Amino acid sequence: MATRKPLRLASAIAALALATACAGQGASGGGNGGGDTGSGGGPVTLKFWNGFTGPDRKAVEGIVEKYNSSQNKAKIEMSIMPWDVFFNKLLPSLGSGTGPDIAAMDTVQIPQYAARNVFQPLDDVYGTGNLDPNVLVKSAADATTFQGKKYGVPMNFTTLKLYWNKDMFKKAGLDPEKPPADWDQLAQYAKKLTKDTNGDGKPEQYGISLADHDTIAMWPIFLWQNGGGVVSDDGKTATLDDPATIEAAKRWTGLVTKDKISPIGQSGGDADKLFQSKKAAMEIVGPWMTTGFKDAGIDFGIAMPPAGPKAEVTLGTSVAFTLSSRATGAKKDAAVDFMSFWNAKEQQVYWSVNSGFPPNRTDITAEEIKENPYSAAFGENADKTRFWLNGVRDYQKVNDDIFVPAMQRVLNGKGTVEEVFAKADKDVQALLDSAQ
């Protein structure tokens, strides 16, 4: 995945234009996103947009090239662009019929588009080709669900894991081969690894590097591990003021504000740089940082985040293929064939080895992807993952406008957890109710 920052939709003007342009679109043809174009003897051409501009780009290009050369019935024309450009262009292009047939995006983005009927449900493709729901990572496939229907097919999947600096552990008198196993150990280790040698109140070394904005979800992991969260599993009820949520938030924000185990005000990129510069001993993040940490000369280990009182759980995150509502007939058949090809065992081994992400399939062994051992590490514990705000239509408002500011207010001493979270809970519930 090329970014850690949740990205907003296009402007309100673009959304309004889409609502007008897409009225009644359903299975209609027309435009460059039409139904059976290309079925008159030549190959079906499918436009595929994604934002894989990072190191994983070569792996995406490799599989697309392999698919195009493997058969003569369909051709993928791929456009790779930064995610902000992707999302600014996507809505209006889908509305006008000039957009992609296949668009890849973080699964948390899907409900906003599915609600506008610009994507079609794909429940009927599961169980065909290499899209066996018993073989695909279940949480990745389930994360494409909106209002009981699946609107995507997994393109990639990963977990977040705890990285720890073995050298820093050793210098602190901790076993460098044994990460903290539970909350008590994590708190103990984080405090021991935090060093303020000159006593100025600002540590030169932090126990853990946590971000509170522009980041992939770190804080929700702590809430889930205590049986709390932000919304219920069905996405209908706010849970920010539940006792379990309050208890978890108080414990870990207290460790940050009082024991200073992590800086306050970090973005996701800041949190990565702190660990990469050897100024923090631990961080919870995904496989995209393995190369950077390795290049920085860090001898690191990778493990599940320490278990909480109620659960051993981490964040799962996935990019999925979606299919335009306009792509029908031969175009849909070709798109499903490509998605099946992507998820075949051979391609998933290639993807894991070359991208660093674990495979989408559960039947691939560590031995088969041994050329990149990190891939196997991040594929473990897929059954212990939860997806952040899965199926919530207004997830960006919940995350960017309510949850993140609430966390920042607490960390900056602008209210107690109980006060801030009670207000945030009401705001989240109002958004959830408006989506019913």
Foldseek 3Di string as FASTA:
>chain_A
DPFFFDDDAADPVLVVLLLVLCVPVFQAADAPLAAPPQVPPFAAEFEEEEAPPDLLVVLVVVLLVVVVVVDGRYHYDYDYDHPNVCRNPARNCLSNRNDGQKYKDWLQQQLQVVVSVFFDFDPVLQPPFQNDCVWFLVQQQCLQDAPHTRQFGFLFKWWWWKKFFLVLCVVLVHHSVDDDAADVSLLVQQLSSFADPVPPPATQAAAAEDALHRGHDDVQQQLVLQVFGQADPVLQAGGLQPPSNQVSLCVVLCCCQPSVNYDAHHHRVRSLVCVLVVRYGMYIGIQVCPVSSVVSVTPMDIHQDHGYPRARATAMITMTMGGTSNHHDSRVVVVSVSSSSCLDPVNQLSSCLSPVAAGSTPPDDCVSNVNRNSNVRRVPPSVRHDHQSRNQNPSCCLRVVQRSVLSNCCSVVVDPSNVRSVVSSVVSNVSSVVVD
